[in-house]
Amino acid sequence: MYNILSYFIYFTLTIPVIVFVGWKCFKIGKIYLLDVLKDDEICNSVNKVLLIGYYLLNLGYIAISISSWGNINTFSEIIEIVFTKISVILMLIALLHYINIAALYFLRNQIISTFK
């Protein structure tokens, strides 16, 4: 019973955060990608691929995370496990964001010269 409750809480809190952050990065990141790539069509394609990869990676992490949970016996274990898993996924989202920004920053000249 506690496991099902913890899954429900986990999904209720993580799915909206993942969708919100993905959509915001998609909308705001388009401007940054357009500045780097200089081509609207390529920018849209890259932005969509990044969004799909972001969703797939996070959903995959959620599936792996849930499969690794043990048996939960108390309400305090629910709080501990759910918020530990949520904090890990939030750090993963932040790490992905900074890796994408750094990759585009360091590869900017190479990307621009490729699409000229």
N, C-alpha and C. Protein backbone atom coordinates (compact mmCIF):
# COMPACT_ATOMS: atom_id res chain seq x y z
N MET A 1 0.82 -1.20 0.00
CA MET A 1 0.00 0.00 0.00
C MET A 1 0.86 1.26 0.00
N TYR A 2 1.92 1.25 0.82
CA TYR A 2 2.79 2.42 0.87
C TYR A 2 3.56 2.62 -0.43
N ASN A 3 3.91 1.52 -1.08
CA ASN A 3 4.62 1.65 -2.36
C ASN A 3 3.75 2.33 -3.41
N ILE A 4 2.50 1.97 -3.50
CA ILE A 4 1.61 2.57 -4.49
C ILE A 4 1.40 4.05 -4.19
N LEU A 5 1.26 4.39 -2.92
CA LEU A 5 1.12 5.79 -2.53
C LEU A 5 2.38 6.58 -2.89
N SER A 6 3.54 5.99 -2.66
CA SER A 6 4.79 6.69 -2.97
C SER A 6 4.95 6.86 -4.48
N TYR A 7 4.56 5.88 -5.27
CA TYR A 7 4.61 6.02 -6.73
C TYR A 7 3.70 7.16 -7.19
N PHE A 8 2.51 7.21 -6.62
CA PHE A 8 1.56 8.25 -6.99
C PHE A 8 2.12 9.64 -6.65
N ILE A 9 2.67 9.78 -5.46
CA ILE A 9 3.26 11.07 -5.06
C ILE A 9 4.42 11.43 -5.97
N TYR A 10 5.26 10.46 -6.25
CA TYR A 10 6.44 10.68 -7.10
C TYR A 10 6.03 11.14 -8.50
N PHE A 11 5.08 10.43 -9.12
CA PHE A 11 4.61 10.82 -10.45
C PHE A 11 3.92 12.18 -10.43
N THR A 12 3.13 12.42 -9.41
CA THR A 12 2.40 13.68 -9.31
C THR A 12 3.34 14.87 -9.20
N LEU A 13 4.49 14.68 -8.57
CA LEU A 13 5.43 15.79 -8.41
C LEU A 13 6.45 15.89 -9.55
N THR A 14 6.89 14.78 -10.08
CA THR A 14 7.97 14.84 -11.07
C THR A 14 7.50 15.12 -12.50
N ILE A 15 6.41 14.52 -12.90
CA ILE A 15 5.96 14.69 -14.29
C ILE A 15 5.68 16.15 -14.63
N PRO A 16 4.94 16.90 -13.80
CA PRO A 16 4.73 18.32 -14.14
C PRO A 16 6.03 19.13 -14.17
N VAL A 17 6.96 18.83 -13.28
CA VAL A 17 8.23 19.55 -13.28
C VAL A 17 9.01 19.26 -14.56
N ILE A 18 9.07 18.00 -14.95
CA ILE A 18 9.78 17.62 -16.17
C ILE A 18 9.16 18.27 -17.40
N VAL A 19 7.85 18.24 -17.50
CA VAL A 19 7.17 18.84 -18.65
C VAL A 19 7.37 20.35 -18.67
N PHE A 20 7.23 21.00 -17.51
CA PHE A 20 7.39 22.46 -17.44
C PHE A 20 8.80 22.89 -17.82
N VAL A 21 9.80 22.25 -17.24
CA VAL A 21 11.19 22.62 -17.53
C VAL A 21 11.53 22.33 -18.99
N GLY A 22 11.08 21.19 -19.51
CA GLY A 22 11.34 20.87 -20.90
C GLY A 22 10.72 21.88 -21.85
N TRP A 23 9.48 22.26 -21.57
CA TRP A 23 8.80 23.22 -22.44
C TRP A 23 9.45 24.60 -22.37
N LYS A 24 9.84 25.02 -21.16
CA LYS A 24 10.50 26.32 -21.01
C LYS A 24 11.85 26.34 -21.73
N CYS A 25 12.63 25.27 -21.57
CA CYS A 25 13.92 25.20 -22.28
C CYS A 25 13.71 25.16 -23.78
N PHE A 26 12.66 24.50 -24.23
CA PHE A 26 12.34 24.43 -25.66
C PHE A 26 12.03 25.82 -26.20
N LYS A 27 11.20 26.58 -25.50
CA LYS A 27 10.79 27.90 -25.97
C LYS A 27 11.93 28.92 -25.87
N ILE A 28 12.60 28.96 -24.73
CA ILE A 28 13.65 29.94 -24.52
C ILE A 28 14.93 29.53 -25.25
N GLY A 29 15.20 28.23 -25.30
CA GLY A 29 16.42 27.74 -25.95
C GLY A 29 16.44 27.98 -27.45
N LYS A 30 15.27 28.13 -28.05
CA LYS A 30 15.21 28.38 -29.49
C LYS A 30 15.95 29.67 -29.85
N ILE A 31 15.83 30.68 -29.03
CA ILE A 31 16.51 31.95 -29.28
C ILE A 31 18.02 31.76 -29.22
N TYR A 32 18.47 31.00 -28.22
CA TYR A 32 19.90 30.75 -28.08
C TYR A 32 20.42 29.90 -29.25
N LEU A 33 19.68 28.88 -29.62
CA LEU A 33 20.10 28.04 -30.74
C LEU A 33 20.10 28.82 -32.05
N LEU A 34 19.14 29.69 -32.23
CA LEU A 34 19.09 30.50 -33.45
C LEU A 34 20.30 31.41 -33.55
N ASP A 35 20.76 31.92 -32.41
CA ASP A 35 21.95 32.75 -32.39
C ASP A 35 23.19 31.93 -32.77
N VAL A 36 23.24 30.68 -32.35
CA VAL A 36 24.40 29.84 -32.65
C VAL A 36 24.34 29.29 -34.07
N LEU A 37 23.18 28.79 -34.50
CA LEU A 37 23.08 28.09 -35.78
C LEU A 37 22.79 28.99 -36.97
N LYS A 38 22.16 30.11 -36.77
CA LYS A 38 21.86 31.10 -37.81
C LYS A 38 20.90 30.62 -38.89
N ASP A 39 20.28 29.47 -38.70
CA ASP A 39 19.33 28.94 -39.67
C ASP A 39 18.09 28.47 -38.91
N ASP A 40 16.95 29.05 -39.24
CA ASP A 40 15.74 28.79 -38.48
C ASP A 40 15.29 27.32 -38.58
N GLU A 41 15.41 26.74 -39.77
CA GLU A 41 14.97 25.36 -39.96
C GLU A 41 15.83 24.37 -39.18
N ILE A 42 17.14 24.56 -39.23
CA ILE A 42 18.04 23.69 -38.48
C ILE A 42 17.85 23.91 -36.98
N CYS A 43 17.64 25.15 -36.60
CA CYS A 43 17.41 25.48 -35.19
C CYS A 43 16.19 24.75 -34.65
N ASN A 44 15.10 24.78 -35.41
CA ASN A 44 13.89 24.09 -34.97
C ASN A 44 14.10 22.59 -34.87
N SER A 45 14.80 22.02 -35.82
CA SER A 45 15.06 20.58 -35.80
C SER A 45 15.91 20.18 -34.60
N VAL A 46 16.99 20.91 -34.37
CA VAL A 46 17.86 20.61 -33.23
C VAL A 46 17.11 20.79 -31.93
N ASN A 47 16.31 21.83 -31.84
CA ASN A 47 15.55 22.10 -30.62
C ASN A 47 14.56 20.98 -30.33
N LYS A 48 13.89 20.47 -31.36
CA LYS A 48 12.94 19.37 -31.17
C LYS A 48 13.66 18.08 -30.77
N VAL A 49 14.80 17.82 -31.36
CA VAL A 49 15.57 16.63 -30.99
C VAL A 49 16.04 16.72 -29.54
N LEU A 50 16.50 17.90 -29.14
CA LEU A 50 16.90 18.09 -27.74
C LEU A 50 15.74 17.87 -26.78
N LEU A 51 14.56 18.34 -27.14
CA LEU A 51 13.38 18.17 -26.28
C LEU A 51 13.00 16.69 -26.17
N ILE A 52 13.00 15.99 -27.28
CA ILE A 52 12.66 14.56 -27.26
C ILE A 52 13.68 13.78 -26.44
N GLY A 53 14.96 14.08 -26.63
CA GLY A 53 16.00 13.42 -25.85
C GLY A 53 15.87 13.70 -24.37
N TYR A 54 15.52 14.94 -24.04
CA TYR A 54 15.32 15.33 -22.65
C TYR A 54 14.19 14.53 -22.02
N TYR A 55 13.06 14.45 -22.71
CA TYR A 55 11.93 13.70 -22.18
C TYR A 55 12.25 12.21 -22.05
N LEU A 56 12.88 11.64 -23.05
CA LEU A 56 13.20 10.22 -23.01
C LEU A 56 14.18 9.89 -21.88
N LEU A 57 15.18 10.73 -21.70
CA LEU A 57 16.15 10.49 -20.64
C LEU A 57 15.49 10.58 -19.26
N ASN A 58 14.66 11.58 -19.07
CA ASN A 58 14.01 11.73 -17.77
C ASN A 58 12.99 10.63 -17.50
N LEU A 59 12.21 10.25 -18.50
CA LEU A 59 11.26 9.17 -18.30
C LEU A 59 11.96 7.84 -18.07
N GLY A 60 13.09 7.63 -18.74
CA GLY A 60 13.88 6.44 -18.51
C GLY A 60 14.44 6.41 -17.10
N TYR A 61 14.89 7.58 -16.63
CA TYR A 61 15.39 7.64 -15.25
C TYR A 61 14.27 7.33 -14.26
N ILE A 62 13.08 7.85 -14.51
CA ILE A 62 11.95 7.59 -13.61
C ILE A 62 11.66 6.09 -13.56
N ALA A 63 11.67 5.43 -14.71
CA ALA A 63 11.39 4.00 -14.75
C ALA A 63 12.45 3.21 -14.00
N ILE A 64 13.71 3.54 -14.22
CA ILE A 64 14.79 2.85 -13.51
C ILE A 64 14.73 3.15 -12.02
N SER A 65 14.43 4.38 -11.69
CA SER A 65 14.36 4.79 -10.29
C SER A 65 13.28 4.01 -9.54
N ILE A 66 12.12 3.87 -10.15
CA ILE A 66 11.02 3.15 -9.49
C ILE A 66 11.34 1.67 -9.36
N SER A 67 11.99 1.11 -10.34
CA SER A 67 12.30 -0.32 -10.27
C SER A 67 13.33 -0.64 -9.18
N SER A 68 14.09 0.36 -8.76
CA SER A 68 15.11 0.12 -7.74
C SER A 68 14.59 0.34 -6.31
N TRP A 69 13.34 0.78 -6.17
CA TRP A 69 12.79 1.00 -4.83
C TRP A 69 12.56 -0.34 -4.14
N GLY A 70 12.84 -0.35 -2.87
CA GLY A 70 12.53 -1.54 -2.09
C GLY A 70 11.11 -1.47 -1.55
N ASN A 71 10.82 -2.29 -0.58
CA ASN A 71 9.50 -2.28 0.05
C ASN A 71 9.43 -1.13 1.05
N ILE A 72 8.39 -0.34 0.98
CA ILE A 72 8.21 0.81 1.86
C ILE A 72 7.19 0.43 2.92
N ASN A 73 7.59 0.63 4.18
CA ASN A 73 6.74 0.18 5.29
C ASN A 73 6.15 1.29 6.14
N THR A 74 6.69 2.50 6.06
CA THR A 74 6.17 3.59 6.89
C THR A 74 6.02 4.85 6.04
N PHE A 75 5.25 5.79 6.58
CA PHE A 75 5.04 7.05 5.89
C PHE A 75 6.34 7.86 5.84
N SER A 76 7.17 7.77 6.86
CA SER A 76 8.44 8.50 6.85
C SER A 76 9.37 7.97 5.76
N GLU A 77 9.30 6.69 5.46
CA GLU A 77 10.08 6.14 4.35
C GLU A 77 9.58 6.68 3.01
N ILE A 78 8.28 6.88 2.89
CA ILE A 78 7.72 7.47 1.67
C ILE A 78 8.34 8.85 1.45
N ILE A 79 8.32 9.68 2.48
CA ILE A 79 8.86 11.04 2.38
C ILE A 79 10.34 10.99 2.01
N GLU A 80 11.09 10.15 2.69
CA GLU A 80 12.53 10.06 2.45
C GLU A 80 12.84 9.61 1.02
N ILE A 81 12.22 8.56 0.58
CA ILE A 81 12.53 8.01 -0.74
C ILE A 81 12.04 8.93 -1.86
N VAL A 82 10.81 9.40 -1.74
CA VAL A 82 10.25 10.24 -2.81
C VAL A 82 11.06 11.52 -2.98
N PHE A 83 11.38 12.19 -1.90
CA PHE A 83 12.09 13.45 -2.03
C PHE A 83 13.56 13.26 -2.38
N THR A 84 14.14 12.14 -2.02
CA THR A 84 15.50 11.83 -2.48
C THR A 84 15.50 11.62 -3.98
N LYS A 85 14.54 10.86 -4.48
CA LYS A 85 14.46 10.61 -5.92
C LYS A 85 14.13 11.89 -6.70
N ILE A 86 13.27 12.73 -6.14
CA ILE A 86 12.94 13.99 -6.81
C ILE A 86 14.17 14.90 -6.86
N SER A 87 14.94 14.94 -5.78
CA SER A 87 16.13 15.79 -5.79
C SER A 87 17.15 15.30 -6.81
N VAL A 88 17.27 13.99 -6.97
CA VAL A 88 18.20 13.46 -7.97
C VAL A 88 17.75 13.85 -9.38
N ILE A 89 16.46 13.75 -9.65
CA ILE A 89 16.00 14.10 -10.99
C ILE A 89 16.12 15.60 -11.25
N LEU A 90 15.93 16.43 -10.23
CA LEU A 90 16.13 17.87 -10.42
C LEU A 90 17.59 18.20 -10.70
N MET A 91 18.50 17.52 -10.01
CA MET A 91 19.93 17.73 -10.29
C MET A 91 20.28 17.22 -11.68
N LEU A 92 19.66 16.14 -12.13
CA LEU A 92 19.88 15.63 -13.48
C LEU A 92 19.42 16.64 -14.52
N ILE A 93 18.27 17.25 -14.30
CA ILE A 93 17.77 18.26 -15.22
C ILE A 93 18.73 19.44 -15.30
N ALA A 94 19.21 19.91 -14.16
CA ALA A 94 20.15 21.03 -14.14
C ALA A 94 21.45 20.66 -14.83
N LEU A 95 21.95 19.46 -14.59
CA LEU A 95 23.18 19.01 -15.22
C LEU A 95 23.03 18.93 -16.74
N LEU A 96 21.91 18.40 -17.20
CA LEU A 96 21.66 18.33 -18.65
C LEU A 96 21.64 19.73 -19.27
N HIS A 97 21.02 20.64 -18.58
CA HIS A 97 20.93 22.02 -19.08
C HIS A 97 22.32 22.62 -19.25
N TYR A 98 23.14 22.50 -18.21
CA TYR A 98 24.47 23.10 -18.27
C TYR A 98 25.39 22.38 -19.26
N ILE A 99 25.23 21.08 -19.43
CA ILE A 99 26.02 20.36 -20.43
C ILE A 99 25.65 20.84 -21.84
N ASN A 100 24.35 21.01 -22.11
CA ASN A 100 23.93 21.50 -23.42
C ASN A 100 24.45 22.90 -23.70
N ILE A 101 24.37 23.78 -22.71
CA ILE A 101 24.85 25.15 -22.89
C ILE A 101 26.36 25.15 -23.12
N ALA A 102 27.09 24.36 -22.33
CA ALA A 102 28.54 24.30 -22.48
C ALA A 102 28.93 23.72 -23.84
N ALA A 103 28.25 22.68 -24.28
CA ALA A 103 28.57 22.07 -25.57
C ALA A 103 28.33 23.05 -26.70
N LEU A 104 27.23 23.76 -26.66
CA LEU A 104 26.96 24.75 -27.71
C LEU A 104 27.96 25.90 -27.66
N TYR A 105 28.35 26.29 -26.47
CA TYR A 105 29.32 27.39 -26.33
C TYR A 105 30.68 27.00 -26.90
N PHE A 106 31.16 25.81 -26.54
CA PHE A 106 32.49 25.40 -26.97
C PHE A 106 32.53 24.96 -28.43
N LEU A 107 31.42 24.51 -28.95
CA LEU A 107 31.37 24.06 -30.34
C LEU A 107 30.79 25.12 -31.28
N ARG A 108 30.57 26.31 -30.78
CA ARG A 108 29.89 27.34 -31.54
C ARG A 108 30.59 27.64 -32.87
N ASN A 109 31.89 27.88 -32.85
CA ASN A 109 32.61 28.22 -34.09
C ASN A 109 32.56 27.07 -35.09
N GLN A 110 32.69 25.84 -34.61
CA GLN A 110 32.64 24.69 -35.50
C GLN A 110 31.24 24.53 -36.10
N ILE A 111 30.21 24.76 -35.30
CA ILE A 111 28.84 24.65 -35.78
C ILE A 111 28.55 25.72 -36.83
N ILE A 112 28.98 26.95 -36.55
CA ILE A 112 28.73 28.05 -37.48
C ILE A 112 29.45 27.80 -38.81
N SER A 113 30.70 27.34 -38.76
CA SER A 113 31.43 27.09 -40.00
C SER A 113 30.86 25.94 -40.80
N THR A 114 30.22 24.97 -40.13
CA THR A 114 29.62 23.83 -40.82
C THR A 114 28.40 24.24 -41.62
N PHE A 115 27.59 25.15 -41.09
CA PHE A 115 26.34 25.51 -41.73
C PHE A 115 26.42 26.75 -42.61
N LYS A 116 27.62 27.25 -42.89
CA LYS A 116 27.75 28.43 -43.76
C LYS A 116 27.73 28.03 -45.21
